[in-house]
Amino acid sequence: MDLRNKTITVGELLDDPRSKAVFQRRFGKLLRHPMAGAARVLTLRQLSEMAAVYLPQKTIQDTLKELEEL
């Protein structure tokens, strides 16, 4: 999948069934958080930077790699 140098939005990723499945499998519980809807306007780069506070870098990199391979 073309992540457009991480400028693709979270909303675009969640609207695609393939990438949504990746997020659902890896972060299902977080997707049900009340603030998850607000993340739709963030770019993948912004989300990655914010997630680095809470998630190991390897998890983020593995997720990005999986999305790129779609």
Protein backbone atom coordinates (compact mmCIF):
# COMPACT_ATOMS: atom_id res chain seq x y z
CA MET A 1 0.00 0.00 0.00
CA ASP A 2 1.23 3.47 -0.81
CA LEU A 3 1.49 5.26 2.54
CA ARG A 4 2.56 8.43 0.71
CA ASN A 5 5.65 8.88 2.85
CA LYS A 6 3.41 8.55 5.95
CA THR A 7 1.16 11.45 4.87
CA ILE A 8 -1.84 9.18 4.36
CA THR A 9 -4.47 9.90 7.01
CA VAL A 10 -5.64 7.46 9.63
CA GLY A 11 -9.15 7.92 8.25
CA GLU A 12 -8.04 6.77 4.80
CA LEU A 13 -6.38 3.73 6.34
CA LEU A 14 -9.45 2.87 8.40
CA ASP A 15 -11.68 3.23 5.33
CA ASP A 16 -9.65 0.54 3.52
CA PRO A 17 -10.70 -2.94 4.72
CA ARG A 18 -7.16 -4.34 4.39
CA SER A 19 -5.43 -1.70 6.49
CA LYS A 20 -8.34 -1.52 8.91
CA ALA A 21 -7.86 -5.26 9.53
CA VAL A 22 -4.20 -4.61 10.41
CA PHE A 23 -5.16 -1.92 12.92
CA GLN A 24 -7.98 -4.08 14.30
CA ARG A 25 -5.71 -7.08 14.81
CA ARG A 26 -2.86 -5.12 16.35
CA PHE A 27 -4.73 -2.41 18.27
CA GLY A 28 -8.36 -3.53 18.49
CA LYS A 29 -8.91 -2.33 22.02
CA LEU A 30 -7.51 1.12 21.22
CA LEU A 31 -9.82 1.49 18.22
CA ARG A 32 -12.79 1.31 20.58
CA HIS A 33 -11.50 4.23 22.67
CA PRO A 34 -13.80 7.29 22.55
CA MET A 35 -10.98 9.46 21.17
CA ALA A 36 -10.17 7.07 18.30
CA GLY A 37 -12.54 8.94 15.98
CA ALA A 38 -10.56 12.13 16.47
CA ALA A 39 -7.44 10.37 15.17
CA ARG A 40 -8.96 10.02 11.67
CA VAL A 41 -7.61 13.44 10.65
CA LEU A 42 -4.04 12.65 11.74
CA THR A 43 -1.42 11.59 9.25
CA LEU A 44 0.28 8.26 9.76
CA ARG A 45 3.46 10.19 10.64
CA GLN A 46 1.64 12.14 13.37
CA LEU A 47 0.05 8.98 14.74
CA SER A 48 3.41 7.18 14.77
CA GLU A 49 5.02 10.02 16.70
CA MET A 50 2.21 10.10 19.24
CA ALA A 51 2.15 6.31 19.57
CA ALA A 52 5.88 6.25 20.34
CA VAL A 53 5.05 7.49 23.82
CA TYR A 54 2.90 4.40 24.49
CA LEU A 55 4.14 1.63 22.19
CA PRO A 56 7.53 0.02 21.61
CA GLN A 57 9.27 1.27 18.48
CA LYS A 58 9.38 -2.29 17.13
CA THR A 59 5.58 -2.53 17.26
CA ILE A 60 5.27 0.71 15.31
CA GLN A 61 7.86 -0.34 12.73
CA ASP A 62 6.29 -3.79 12.30
CA THR A 63 2.89 -2.20 11.77
CA LEU A 64 4.24 0.26 9.20
CA LYS A 65 5.98 -2.57 7.36
CA GLU A 66 2.80 -4.64 7.31
CA LEU A 67 0.80 -1.70 5.95
CA GLU A 68 3.40 -1.07 3.23
CA GLU A 69 3.18 -4.71 2.17
CA LEU A 70 -0.58 -4.56 1.56
